[in-house]
Amino acid sequence: MKKLYVASLPYSVTDEELAQFFSQVGTVESAFVMKDKMTRRSRGFGFVEMSSEAEANAAIEKLNGADMGGRTLVVNMARPQAERPER
């Protein structure tokens, strides 16, 4: 599986809508819209896991710059999360 970072999402989009949108280019293993911990409102970005690298590359090629709900999506390969210092 390959994880994609998706930015500039409409604030109203759900995990299911995000998965459905990306399913037009391949098999979506999971889709997750990041939400604010306090308000539970969308933060405007999320992650989509595609079943193969070829499908992930197709999603970047076809959906980066695509319109979703009036917003222009930014789609890239996700980078590993940086380690955060313990508090």
N, C-alpha and C. Protein backbone atom coordinates (compact mmCIF):
# COMPACT_ATOMS: atom_id res chain seq x y z
N MET A 1 0.85 -1.19 0.00
CA MET A 1 0.00 0.00 0.00
C MET A 1 0.88 1.24 0.00
N LYS A 2 0.37 2.27 -0.64
CA LYS A 2 1.07 3.55 -0.67
C LYS A 2 0.15 4.63 -0.12
N LYS A 3 0.68 5.42 0.79
CA LYS A 3 -0.11 6.46 1.44
C LYS A 3 0.10 7.80 0.73
N LEU A 4 -1.01 8.47 0.45
CA LEU A 4 -0.97 9.79 -0.18
C LEU A 4 -1.41 10.86 0.82
N TYR A 5 -0.78 12.01 0.71
CA TYR A 5 -1.17 13.19 1.49
C TYR A 5 -2.05 14.03 0.57
N VAL A 6 -3.23 14.43 1.05
CA VAL A 6 -4.16 15.21 0.24
C VAL A 6 -4.47 16.50 0.98
N ALA A 7 -4.12 17.64 0.37
CA ALA A 7 -4.33 18.95 1.00
C ALA A 7 -5.37 19.74 0.22
N SER A 8 -5.85 20.80 0.85
CA SER A 8 -6.83 21.72 0.27
C SER A 8 -8.19 21.05 0.08
N LEU A 9 -8.54 20.18 1.03
CA LEU A 9 -9.85 19.51 0.99
C LEU A 9 -10.95 20.49 1.40
N PRO A 10 -12.15 20.34 0.82
CA PRO A 10 -13.28 21.10 1.33
C PRO A 10 -13.49 20.72 2.81
N TYR A 11 -13.83 21.69 3.65
CA TYR A 11 -13.96 21.42 5.08
C TYR A 11 -15.15 20.51 5.39
N SER A 12 -16.07 20.35 4.44
CA SER A 12 -17.26 19.52 4.67
C SER A 12 -17.06 18.06 4.26
N VAL A 13 -15.93 17.72 3.63
CA VAL A 13 -15.75 16.36 3.09
C VAL A 13 -15.59 15.34 4.23
N THR A 14 -16.16 14.15 4.01
CA THR A 14 -16.07 13.06 4.98
C THR A 14 -15.05 12.03 4.51
N ASP A 15 -14.69 11.12 5.40
CA ASP A 15 -13.78 10.04 5.03
C ASP A 15 -14.34 9.25 3.84
N GLU A 16 -15.65 8.97 3.89
CA GLU A 16 -16.30 8.18 2.83
C GLU A 16 -16.27 8.91 1.49
N GLU A 17 -16.53 10.22 1.50
CA GLU A 17 -16.51 11.00 0.26
C GLU A 17 -15.10 11.05 -0.32
N LEU A 18 -14.11 11.17 0.54
CA LEU A 18 -12.72 11.19 0.09
C LEU A 18 -12.35 9.85 -0.56
N ALA A 19 -12.75 8.75 0.07
CA ALA A 19 -12.48 7.42 -0.49
C ALA A 19 -13.18 7.25 -1.84
N GLN A 20 -14.41 7.69 -1.92
CA GLN A 20 -15.17 7.57 -3.17
C GLN A 20 -14.52 8.38 -4.28
N PHE A 21 -14.06 9.58 -3.98
CA PHE A 21 -13.42 10.45 -4.97
C PHE A 21 -12.16 9.78 -5.52
N PHE A 22 -11.35 9.18 -4.65
CA PHE A 22 -10.10 8.55 -5.08
C PHE A 22 -10.32 7.19 -5.73
N SER A 23 -11.48 6.56 -5.50
CA SER A 23 -11.74 5.25 -6.08
C SER A 23 -11.90 5.30 -7.59
N GLN A 24 -12.03 6.50 -8.17
CA GLN A 24 -12.13 6.62 -9.63
C GLN A 24 -10.80 6.28 -10.31
N VAL A 25 -9.69 6.26 -9.56
CA VAL A 25 -8.40 5.94 -10.16
C VAL A 25 -7.79 4.64 -9.65
N GLY A 26 -8.44 3.96 -8.71
CA GLY A 26 -7.89 2.71 -8.21
C GLY A 26 -8.56 2.26 -6.93
N THR A 27 -7.99 1.22 -6.34
CA THR A 27 -8.54 0.63 -5.12
C THR A 27 -8.06 1.40 -3.90
N VAL A 28 -9.00 1.94 -3.15
CA VAL A 28 -8.69 2.70 -1.94
C VAL A 28 -8.75 1.75 -0.74
N GLU A 29 -7.64 1.63 -0.03
CA GLU A 29 -7.59 0.79 1.17
C GLU A 29 -8.15 1.53 2.38
N SER A 30 -7.87 2.83 2.47
CA SER A 30 -8.40 3.65 3.57
C SER A 30 -8.33 5.12 3.17
N ALA A 31 -9.19 5.90 3.80
CA ALA A 31 -9.18 7.35 3.60
C ALA A 31 -9.54 7.99 4.94
N PHE A 32 -8.80 9.03 5.31
CA PHE A 32 -8.98 9.63 6.61
C PHE A 32 -8.80 11.14 6.50
N VAL A 33 -9.82 11.89 6.89
CA VAL A 33 -9.74 13.35 6.94
C VAL A 33 -9.30 13.73 8.35
N MET A 34 -8.24 14.51 8.46
CA MET A 34 -7.74 14.93 9.77
C MET A 34 -8.70 15.96 10.37
N LYS A 35 -8.97 15.78 11.67
CA LYS A 35 -9.89 16.68 12.36
C LYS A 35 -9.21 17.31 13.57
N ASP A 36 -9.63 18.51 13.90
CA ASP A 36 -9.14 19.21 15.09
C ASP A 36 -9.58 18.43 16.33
N LYS A 37 -8.68 18.24 17.28
CA LYS A 37 -8.99 17.46 18.47
C LYS A 37 -10.08 18.10 19.33
N MET A 38 -10.11 19.41 19.38
CA MET A 38 -11.07 20.11 20.24
C MET A 38 -12.43 20.26 19.57
N THR A 39 -12.45 20.75 18.34
CA THR A 39 -13.73 21.08 17.68
C THR A 39 -14.27 19.93 16.84
N ARG A 40 -13.42 18.94 16.51
CA ARG A 40 -13.79 17.82 15.64
C ARG A 40 -14.12 18.27 14.21
N ARG A 41 -13.74 19.50 13.85
CA ARG A 41 -13.94 20.00 12.48
C ARG A 41 -12.73 19.63 11.64
N SER A 42 -12.96 19.47 10.34
CA SER A 42 -11.90 19.13 9.41
C SER A 42 -10.79 20.18 9.45
N ARG A 43 -9.56 19.70 9.30
CA ARG A 43 -8.41 20.62 9.23
C ARG A 43 -8.05 20.91 7.77
N GLY A 44 -8.80 20.34 6.82
CA GLY A 44 -8.59 20.64 5.40
C GLY A 44 -7.56 19.77 4.71
N PHE A 45 -7.10 18.71 5.39
CA PHE A 45 -6.19 17.77 4.73
C PHE A 45 -6.46 16.37 5.27
N GLY A 46 -5.91 15.39 4.56
CA GLY A 46 -6.11 14.01 4.98
C GLY A 46 -5.15 13.08 4.28
N PHE A 47 -5.40 11.78 4.45
CA PHE A 47 -4.54 10.76 3.88
C PHE A 47 -5.40 9.69 3.21
N VAL A 48 -4.90 9.19 2.09
CA VAL A 48 -5.56 8.11 1.36
C VAL A 48 -4.52 7.03 1.10
N GLU A 49 -4.86 5.78 1.41
CA GLU A 49 -3.97 4.66 1.11
C GLU A 49 -4.52 3.93 -0.10
N MET A 50 -3.70 3.86 -1.14
CA MET A 50 -4.05 3.13 -2.36
C MET A 50 -3.41 1.74 -2.27
N SER A 51 -3.98 0.77 -2.99
CA SER A 51 -3.52 -0.61 -2.85
C SER A 51 -2.18 -0.90 -3.51
N SER A 52 -1.74 -0.04 -4.44
CA SER A 52 -0.44 -0.28 -5.09
C SER A 52 0.23 1.05 -5.42
N GLU A 53 1.52 0.96 -5.67
CA GLU A 53 2.28 2.15 -6.04
C GLU A 53 1.80 2.71 -7.37
N ALA A 54 1.44 1.82 -8.31
CA ALA A 54 0.95 2.26 -9.62
C ALA A 54 -0.34 3.07 -9.46
N GLU A 55 -1.24 2.59 -8.59
CA GLU A 55 -2.50 3.32 -8.37
C GLU A 55 -2.24 4.64 -7.65
N ALA A 56 -1.29 4.65 -6.74
CA ALA A 56 -0.94 5.89 -6.04
C ALA A 56 -0.40 6.91 -7.04
N ASN A 57 0.49 6.46 -7.94
CA ASN A 57 1.04 7.37 -8.95
C ASN A 57 -0.06 7.86 -9.89
N ALA A 58 -1.01 7.00 -10.25
CA ALA A 58 -2.13 7.41 -11.10
C ALA A 58 -2.99 8.45 -10.39
N ALA A 59 -3.18 8.28 -9.09
CA ALA A 59 -3.97 9.24 -8.32
C ALA A 59 -3.28 10.60 -8.29
N ILE A 60 -1.97 10.61 -8.11
CA ILE A 60 -1.23 11.87 -8.11
C ILE A 60 -1.36 12.54 -9.48
N GLU A 61 -1.15 11.75 -10.53
CA GLU A 61 -1.20 12.29 -11.90
C GLU A 61 -2.57 12.86 -12.25
N LYS A 62 -3.63 12.14 -11.88
CA LYS A 62 -4.97 12.53 -12.30
C LYS A 62 -5.67 13.48 -11.33
N LEU A 63 -5.36 13.41 -10.04
CA LEU A 63 -6.14 14.17 -9.06
C LEU A 63 -5.40 15.36 -8.46
N ASN A 64 -4.08 15.44 -8.62
CA ASN A 64 -3.36 16.64 -8.17
C ASN A 64 -3.80 17.80 -9.06
N GLY A 65 -4.39 18.82 -8.46
CA GLY A 65 -4.92 19.95 -9.22
C GLY A 65 -6.38 19.81 -9.60
N ALA A 66 -6.99 18.66 -9.25
CA ALA A 66 -8.40 18.43 -9.56
C ALA A 66 -9.29 19.26 -8.63
N ASP A 67 -10.50 19.54 -9.10
CA ASP A 67 -11.47 20.28 -8.30
C ASP A 67 -12.30 19.32 -7.46
N MET A 68 -12.42 19.62 -6.18
CA MET A 68 -13.31 18.86 -5.30
C MET A 68 -14.06 19.87 -4.45
N GLY A 69 -15.34 20.00 -4.70
CA GLY A 69 -16.16 20.92 -3.92
C GLY A 69 -15.71 22.37 -4.02
N GLY A 70 -15.18 22.75 -5.19
CA GLY A 70 -14.75 24.13 -5.38
C GLY A 70 -13.34 24.42 -4.91
N ARG A 71 -12.62 23.41 -4.45
CA ARG A 71 -11.23 23.59 -4.00
C ARG A 71 -10.30 22.77 -4.89
N THR A 72 -9.11 23.29 -5.12
CA THR A 72 -8.11 22.61 -5.95
C THR A 72 -7.24 21.73 -5.07
N LEU A 73 -7.32 20.42 -5.27
CA LEU A 73 -6.59 19.47 -4.44
C LEU A 73 -5.09 19.50 -4.72
N VAL A 74 -4.32 19.22 -3.66
CA VAL A 74 -2.88 18.99 -3.76
C VAL A 74 -2.67 17.56 -3.28
N VAL A 75 -2.13 16.71 -4.18
CA VAL A 75 -1.95 15.28 -3.87
C VAL A 75 -0.48 14.92 -4.05
N ASN A 76 0.14 14.39 -2.99
CA ASN A 76 1.55 13.97 -3.00
C ASN A 76 1.69 12.66 -2.25
N MET A 77 2.84 11.99 -2.44
CA MET A 77 3.15 10.84 -1.59
C MET A 77 3.33 11.36 -0.17
N ALA A 78 2.80 10.65 0.79
CA ALA A 78 2.96 11.05 2.19
C ALA A 78 4.38 10.75 2.64
N ARG A 79 4.92 11.64 3.45
CA ARG A 79 6.24 11.42 4.03
C ARG A 79 6.05 10.84 5.43
N PRO A 80 7.02 10.08 5.92
CA PRO A 80 6.90 9.56 7.28
C PRO A 80 6.78 10.70 8.29
N GLN A 81 6.00 10.48 9.32
CA GLN A 81 5.79 11.52 10.34
C GLN A 81 7.09 11.72 11.11
N ALA A 82 7.46 12.98 11.28
CA ALA A 82 8.67 13.29 12.04
C ALA A 82 8.43 12.98 13.52
N GLU A 83 9.48 12.51 14.17
CA GLU A 83 9.32 12.22 15.59
C GLU A 83 9.21 13.53 16.36
N ARG A 84 8.31 13.53 17.31
CA ARG A 84 8.12 14.71 18.14
C ARG A 84 8.79 14.50 19.48
N PRO A 85 9.40 15.56 20.02
CA PRO A 85 10.03 15.39 21.35
C PRO A 85 8.96 15.17 22.42
N GLU A 86 9.30 14.32 23.39
CA GLU A 86 8.36 14.08 24.47
C GLU A 86 8.31 15.29 25.39
N ARG A 87 7.13 15.52 25.97
CA ARG A 87 6.98 16.69 26.85
C ARG A 87 7.14 16.29 28.28
